[in-house]
Amino acid sequence: MKSFWTAFLLIFVAELGDKTQFMTLALSSRYKARIVLLGVTLGTMVVSLVSVALGGLLGKVIPHSLINILAGLIFIVFGLLSLKQSKEVAAAETNKIKNTHGLIWLTIAFTFFVAELGDKTMLATIAIASRDKNYFAVWLGSTLGLIVSNCLAIIAGKALNKYVTGQAIHYTAAAIYIGAGILAIWHGFIGS
């Protein structure tokens, strides 16, 4: 139980205010909560499994600075895509178009998985798994910590949707992604 609670609490707290939580918030302002939750859950299960499986290996094989640079580039791309989507959201809001994407949950799962690569929660899970050999408990705690934290983002996204336009949320998400990307790249080059 100690492995589970350690992973759950550390990952839950690490995810609060994280860029992937903002991504979840933005997605929940656009899609149904259950679709976002399904995508986040699937992406979380996979990224936590990969993190636990990697244990301490990732830190030995790929330099942390390179992980930061790659993650930074990915987040800048997400930011630019969010800006593009903000135009689509504005058109949908203007035309009252209902958003009907069949497998959006799979896209959300993949996006969440990629966004978590090299993230502090992934690195924390790797560190916990390399120290604590109860891999299933670490995986379960990490997964549930991420899910619970992102459930808060889904609730906030639905609440914000009543008061803020989807386009404004996407602009905010784009700024956060691009800012986080630049910061990650900067940390990658300075080596912290």
C-alpha atoms as a PDB file:
ATOM      1  CA  MET A   1       0.000   0.000   0.000  1.00  0.00           C
ATOM      2  CA  LYS A   2       2.875   2.376   0.664  1.00  0.00           C
ATOM      3  CA  SER A   3       3.959   2.167  -2.996  1.00  0.00           C
ATOM      4  CA  PHE A   4       0.441   2.963  -4.188  1.00  0.00           C
ATOM      5  CA  TRP A   5      -0.055   5.962  -1.869  1.00  0.00           C
ATOM      6  CA  THR A   6       3.406   7.346  -2.552  1.00  0.00           C
ATOM      7  CA  ALA A   7       2.824   7.229  -6.303  1.00  0.00           C
ATOM      8  CA  PHE A   8      -0.769   8.491  -6.051  1.00  0.00           C
ATOM      9  CA  LEU A   9       0.000  11.496  -3.853  1.00  0.00           C
ATOM     10  CA  LEU A  10       3.208  12.548  -5.596  1.00  0.00           C
ATOM     11  CA  ILE A  11       1.721  12.267  -9.066  1.00  0.00           C
ATOM     12  CA  PHE A  12      -1.583  13.925  -8.091  1.00  0.00           C
ATOM     13  CA  VAL A  13       0.240  16.931  -6.646  1.00  0.00           C
ATOM     14  CA  ALA A  14       2.768  17.076  -9.506  1.00  0.00           C
ATOM     15  CA  GLU A  15      -0.066  17.177 -12.061  1.00  0.00           C
ATOM     16  CA  LEU A  16      -1.847  20.117 -10.412  1.00  0.00           C
ATOM     17  CA  GLY A  17      -1.338  23.135 -12.659  1.00  0.00           C
ATOM     18  CA  ASP A  18       0.668  21.068 -15.141  1.00  0.00           C
ATOM     19  CA  LYS A  19       0.431  21.714 -18.880  1.00  0.00           C
ATOM     20  CA  THR A  20      -1.394  18.424 -19.485  1.00  0.00           C
ATOM     21  CA  GLN A  21      -3.986  19.436 -16.918  1.00  0.00           C
ATOM     22  CA  PHE A  22      -4.517  22.661 -18.880  1.00  0.00           C
ATOM     23  CA  MET A  23      -4.777  20.571 -22.039  1.00  0.00           C
ATOM     24  CA  THR A  24      -7.490  18.493 -20.356  1.00  0.00           C
ATOM     25  CA  LEU A  25      -9.259  21.680 -19.286  1.00  0.00           C
ATOM     26  CA  ALA A  26      -9.202  22.994 -22.861  1.00  0.00           C
ATOM     27  CA  LEU A  27     -10.397  19.695 -24.300  1.00  0.00           C
ATOM     28  CA  SER A  28     -13.246  19.449 -21.804  1.00  0.00           C
ATOM     29  CA  SER A  29     -14.496  22.856 -22.871  1.00  0.00           C
ATOM     30  CA  ARG A  30     -14.929  21.470 -26.363  1.00  0.00           C
ATOM     31  CA  TYR A  31     -15.896  17.816 -25.933  1.00  0.00           C
ATOM     32  CA  LYS A  32     -18.159  15.816 -23.649  1.00  0.00           C
ATOM     33  CA  ALA A  33     -16.655  15.110 -20.235  1.00  0.00           C
ATOM     34  CA  ARG A  34     -16.960  11.328 -20.599  1.00  0.00           C
ATOM     35  CA  ILE A  35     -15.110  11.405 -23.945  1.00  0.00           C
ATOM     36  CA  VAL A  36     -12.276  13.471 -22.450  1.00  0.00           C
ATOM     37  CA  LEU A  37     -12.168  11.246 -19.355  1.00  0.00           C
ATOM     38  CA  LEU A  38     -11.998   8.117 -21.518  1.00  0.00           C
ATOM     39  CA  GLY A  39      -9.141   9.555 -23.567  1.00  0.00           C
ATOM     40  CA  VAL A  40      -7.260  10.831 -20.511  1.00  0.00           C
ATOM     41  CA  THR A  41      -7.735   7.487 -18.735  1.00  0.00           C
ATOM     42  CA  LEU A  42      -6.435   5.470 -21.679  1.00  0.00           C
ATOM     43  CA  GLY A  43      -3.486   7.819 -22.258  1.00  0.00           C
ATOM     44  CA  THR A  44      -2.702   7.835 -18.539  1.00  0.00           C
ATOM     45  CA  MET A  45      -2.800   4.058 -18.234  1.00  0.00           C
ATOM     46  CA  VAL A  46      -0.361   3.665 -21.099  1.00  0.00           C
ATOM     47  CA  VAL A  47       2.039   6.451 -20.097  1.00  0.00           C
ATOM     48  CA  SER A  48       2.126   5.211 -16.505  1.00  0.00           C
ATOM     49  CA  LEU A  49       2.801   1.670 -17.712  1.00  0.00           C
ATOM     50  CA  VAL A  50       5.616   2.887 -19.946  1.00  0.00           C
ATOM     51  CA  SER A  51       7.015   4.987 -17.086  1.00  0.00           C
ATOM     52  CA  VAL A  52       7.019   2.090 -14.664  1.00  0.00           C
ATOM     53  CA  ALA A  53       8.487  -0.263 -17.264  1.00  0.00           C
ATOM     54  CA  LEU A  54      11.277   2.181 -17.977  1.00  0.00           C
ATOM     55  CA  GLY A  55      12.070   2.589 -14.296  1.00  0.00           C
ATOM     56  CA  GLY A  56      15.500   4.127 -14.161  1.00  0.00           C
ATOM     57  CA  LEU A  57      16.416   3.143 -17.728  1.00  0.00           C
ATOM     58  CA  LEU A  58      15.306   6.342 -19.450  1.00  0.00           C
ATOM     59  CA  GLY A  59      17.617   8.515 -17.403  1.00  0.00           C
ATOM     60  CA  LYS A  60      20.552   6.306 -18.386  1.00  0.00           C
ATOM     61  CA  VAL A  61      19.782   6.092 -22.104  1.00  0.00           C
ATOM     62  CA  ILE A  62      18.467   9.551 -23.049  1.00  0.00           C
ATOM     63  CA  PRO A  63      19.921  12.697 -21.504  1.00  0.00           C
ATOM     64  CA  HIS A  64      17.339  14.743 -19.596  1.00  0.00           C
ATOM     65  CA  SER A  65      18.276  17.833 -21.625  1.00  0.00           C
ATOM     66  CA  LEU A  66      17.325  16.072 -24.883  1.00  0.00           C
ATOM     67  CA  ILE A  67      14.008  14.960 -23.378  1.00  0.00           C
ATOM     68  CA  ASN A  68      13.305  18.597 -22.445  1.00  0.00           C
ATOM     69  CA  ILE A  69      14.126  19.844 -25.942  1.00  0.00           C
ATOM     70  CA  LEU A  70      11.935  17.204 -27.624  1.00  0.00           C
ATOM     71  CA  ALA A  71       9.067  17.802 -25.193  1.00  0.00           C
ATOM     72  CA  GLY A  72       9.427  21.555 -25.749  1.00  0.00           C
ATOM     73  CA  LEU A  73       9.149  21.172 -29.504  1.00  0.00           C
ATOM     74  CA  ILE A  74       6.085  18.958 -29.095  1.00  0.00           C
ATOM     75  CA  PHE A  75       4.407  21.533 -26.861  1.00  0.00           C
ATOM     76  CA  ILE A  76       5.087  24.345 -29.302  1.00  0.00           C
ATOM     77  CA  VAL A  77       3.450  22.234 -32.032  1.00  0.00           C
ATOM     78  CA  PHE A  78       0.470  21.639 -29.691  1.00  0.00           C
ATOM     79  CA  GLY A  79       0.280  25.386 -29.084  1.00  0.00           C
ATOM     80  CA  LEU A  80       0.237  26.124 -32.801  1.00  0.00           C
ATOM     81  CA  LEU A  81      -2.398  23.436 -33.348  1.00  0.00           C
ATOM     82  CA  SER A  82      -4.454  24.945 -30.532  1.00  0.00           C
ATOM     83  CA  LEU A  83      -4.320  28.325 -32.293  1.00  0.00           C
ATOM     84  CA  LYS A  84      -5.540  26.644 -35.479  1.00  0.00           C
ATOM     85  CA  GLN A  85      -8.323  24.926 -33.542  1.00  0.00           C
ATOM     86  CA  SER A  86      -9.364  28.218 -31.973  1.00  0.00           C
ATOM     87  CA  LYS A  87     -10.446  29.382 -35.439  1.00  0.00           C
ATOM     88  CA  GLU A  88     -12.482  26.204 -35.902  1.00  0.00           C
ATOM     89  CA  VAL A  89     -14.043  26.663 -32.467  1.00  0.00           C
ATOM     90  CA  ALA A  90     -14.958  30.260 -33.309  1.00  0.00           C
ATOM     91  CA  ALA A  91     -16.636  29.098 -36.514  1.00  0.00           C
ATOM     92  CA  ALA A  92     -18.487  26.346 -34.660  1.00  0.00           C
ATOM     93  CA  GLU A  93     -19.641  28.783 -31.964  1.00  0.00           C
ATOM     94  CA  THR A  94     -20.784  31.279 -34.585  1.00  0.00           C
ATOM     95  CA  ASN A  95     -22.600  28.674 -36.666  1.00  0.00           C
ATOM     96  CA  LYS A  96     -23.749  26.604 -33.672  1.00  0.00           C
ATOM     97  CA  ILE A  97     -22.199  23.532 -35.270  1.00  0.00           C
ATOM     98  CA  LYS A  98     -22.364  20.466 -33.068  1.00  0.00           C
ATOM     99  CA  ASN A  99     -18.972  18.823 -32.762  1.00  0.00           C
ATOM    100  CA  THR A 100     -19.289  15.155 -33.692  1.00  0.00           C
ATOM    101  CA  HIS A 101     -15.927  13.414 -33.887  1.00  0.00           C
ATOM    102  CA  GLY A 102     -16.239   9.644 -33.694  1.00  0.00           C
ATOM    103  CA  LEU A 103     -12.910   8.602 -32.240  1.00  0.00           C
ATOM    104  CA  ILE A 104     -11.878  11.837 -30.561  1.00  0.00           C
ATOM    105  CA  TRP A 105     -11.236   9.866 -27.354  1.00  0.00           C
ATOM    106  CA  LEU A 106      -8.449   8.012 -29.157  1.00  0.00           C
ATOM    107  CA  THR A 107      -6.952  11.302 -30.353  1.00  0.00           C
ATOM    108  CA  ILE A 108      -7.166  12.657 -26.805  1.00  0.00           C
ATOM    109  CA  ALA A 109      -5.519   9.487 -25.463  1.00  0.00           C
ATOM    110  CA  PHE A 110      -2.648   9.773 -27.942  1.00  0.00           C
ATOM    111  CA  THR A 111      -2.253  13.502 -27.339  1.00  0.00           C
ATOM    112  CA  PHE A 112      -2.236  12.992 -23.568  1.00  0.00           C
ATOM    113  CA  PHE A 113       0.295  10.165 -23.880  1.00  0.00           C
ATOM    114  CA  VAL A 114       2.652  12.238 -26.036  1.00  0.00           C
ATOM    115  CA  ALA A 115       2.184  15.315 -23.833  1.00  0.00           C
ATOM    116  CA  GLU A 116       3.185  13.313 -20.750  1.00  0.00           C
ATOM    117  CA  LEU A 117       6.405  12.026 -22.347  1.00  0.00           C
ATOM    118  CA  GLY A 118       9.288  13.614 -20.500  1.00  0.00           C
ATOM    119  CA  ASP A 119       6.871  15.437 -18.203  1.00  0.00           C
ATOM    120  CA  LYS A 120       7.588  15.776 -14.492  1.00  0.00           C
ATOM    121  CA  THR A 121       4.876  13.233 -13.655  1.00  0.00           C
ATOM    122  CA  MET A 122       6.417  10.690 -16.005  1.00  0.00           C
ATOM    123  CA  LEU A 123       9.867  11.303 -14.574  1.00  0.00           C
ATOM    124  CA  ALA A 124       8.458  11.095 -11.045  1.00  0.00           C
ATOM    125  CA  THR A 125       6.809   7.754 -11.856  1.00  0.00           C
ATOM    126  CA  ILE A 126      10.076   6.475 -13.309  1.00  0.00           C
ATOM    127  CA  ALA A 127      11.924   7.562 -10.163  1.00  0.00           C
ATOM    128  CA  ILE A 128       9.358   5.950  -7.856  1.00  0.00           C
ATOM    129  CA  ALA A 129       9.403   2.710  -9.874  1.00  0.00           C
ATOM    130  CA  SER A 130      13.190   2.587  -9.907  1.00  0.00           C
ATOM    131  CA  ARG A 131      13.227   2.927  -6.117  1.00  0.00           C
ATOM    132  CA  ASP A 132      10.148   0.899  -5.213  1.00  0.00           C
ATOM    133  CA  LYS A 133       9.904  -2.526  -6.814  1.00  0.00           C
ATOM    134  CA  ASN A 134       6.121  -2.938  -6.346  1.00  0.00           C
ATOM    135  CA  TYR A 135       5.519  -2.041  -9.982  1.00  0.00           C
ATOM    136  CA  PHE A 136       1.783  -2.741 -10.078  1.00  0.00           C
ATOM    137  CA  ALA A 137       1.127  -0.523  -7.048  1.00  0.00           C
ATOM    138  CA  VAL A 138       3.284   2.260  -8.517  1.00  0.00           C
ATOM    139  CA  TRP A 139       1.477   1.972 -11.874  1.00  0.00           C
ATOM    140  CA  LEU A 140      -1.955   2.010 -10.236  1.00  0.00           C
ATOM    141  CA  GLY A 141      -1.098   4.923  -7.932  1.00  0.00           C
ATOM    142  CA  SER A 142       0.439   6.954 -10.751  1.00  0.00           C
ATOM    143  CA  THR A 143      -2.484   6.255 -13.084  1.00  0.00           C
ATOM    144  CA  LEU A 144      -5.122   7.159 -10.518  1.00  0.00           C
ATOM    145  CA  GLY A 145      -3.199  10.241  -9.390  1.00  0.00           C
ATOM    146  CA  LEU A 146      -3.192  11.545 -12.968  1.00  0.00           C
ATOM    147  CA  ILE A 147      -6.838  10.639 -13.559  1.00  0.00           C
ATOM    148  CA  VAL A 148      -8.109  12.281 -10.355  1.00  0.00           C
ATOM    149  CA  SER A 149      -6.069  15.412 -10.995  1.00  0.00           C
ATOM    150  CA  ASN A 150      -7.362  15.640 -14.556  1.00  0.00           C
ATOM    151  CA  CYS A 151     -10.945  15.059 -13.400  1.00  0.00           C
ATOM    152  CA  LEU A 152     -10.565  18.393 -11.609  1.00  0.00           C
ATOM    153  CA  ALA A 153      -9.524  19.931 -14.940  1.00  0.00           C
ATOM    154  CA  ILE A 154     -12.572  18.432 -16.668  1.00  0.00           C
ATOM    155  CA  ILE A 155     -14.876  19.910 -14.025  1.00  0.00           C
ATOM    156  CA  ALA A 156     -13.150  23.288 -14.316  1.00  0.00           C
ATOM    157  CA  GLY A 157     -13.329  23.128 -18.128  1.00  0.00           C
ATOM    158  CA  LYS A 158     -17.067  22.501 -18.040  1.00  0.00           C
ATOM    159  CA  ALA A 159     -17.561  25.339 -15.546  1.00  0.00           C
ATOM    160  CA  LEU A 160     -15.423  27.743 -17.593  1.00  0.00           C
ATOM    161  CA  ASN A 161     -17.305  26.821 -20.750  1.00  0.00           C
ATOM    162  CA  LYS A 162     -20.375  28.567 -19.320  1.00  0.00           C
ATOM    163  CA  TYR A 163     -18.517  31.868 -18.913  1.00  0.00           C
ATOM    164  CA  VAL A 164     -15.654  31.834 -21.419  1.00  0.00           C
ATOM    165  CA  THR A 165     -15.715  31.096 -25.139  1.00  0.00           C
ATOM    166  CA  GLY A 166     -14.015  27.992 -26.470  1.00  0.00           C
ATOM    167  CA  GLN A 167     -11.853  30.222 -28.624  1.00  0.00           C
ATOM    168  CA  ALA A 168     -10.532  32.102 -25.572  1.00  0.00           C
ATOM    169  CA  ILE A 169      -9.729  28.811 -23.846  1.00  0.00           C
ATOM    170  CA  HIS A 170      -7.841  27.615 -26.928  1.00  0.00           C
ATOM    171  CA  TYR A 171      -5.860  30.879 -27.091  1.00  0.00           C
ATOM    172  CA  THR A 172      -4.987  30.446 -23.419  1.00  0.00           C
ATOM    173  CA  ALA A 173      -4.051  26.799 -23.955  1.00  0.00           C
ATOM    174  CA  ALA A 174      -1.916  27.785 -26.966  1.00  0.00           C
ATOM    175  CA  ALA A 175      -0.076  30.375 -24.884  1.00  0.00           C
ATOM    176  CA  ILE A 176       0.513  27.819 -22.115  1.00  0.00           C
ATOM    177  CA  TYR A 177       1.750  25.167 -24.569  1.00  0.00           C
ATOM    178  CA  ILE A 178       4.080  27.540 -26.380  1.00  0.00           C
ATOM    179  CA  GLY A 179       5.356  29.024 -23.107  1.00  0.00           C
ATOM    180  CA  ALA A 180       5.914  25.557 -21.618  1.00  0.00           C
ATOM    181  CA  GLY A 181       7.633  24.479 -24.833  1.00  0.00           C
ATOM    182  CA  ILE A 182      10.006  27.429 -24.819  1.00  0.00           C
ATOM    183  CA  LEU A 183      10.729  26.868 -21.124  1.00  0.00           C
ATOM    184  CA  ALA A 184      11.398  23.136 -21.669  1.00  0.00           C
ATOM    185  CA  ILE A 185      13.735  23.867 -24.582  1.00  0.00           C
ATOM    186  CA  TRP A 186      15.541  26.516 -22.516  1.00  0.00           C
ATOM    187  CA  HIS A 187      15.967  24.005 -19.649  1.00  0.00           C
ATOM    188  CA  GLY A 188      17.200  21.471 -22.190  1.00  0.00           C
ATOM    189  CA  PHE A 189      19.935  23.795 -23.376  1.00  0.00           C
ATOM    190  CA  ILE A 190      21.010  25.052 -19.980  1.00  0.00           C
ATOM    191  CA  GLY A 191      20.947  21.536 -18.558  1.00  0.00           C
ATOM    192  CA  SER A 192      18.577  21.873 -15.587  1.00  0.00           C
END
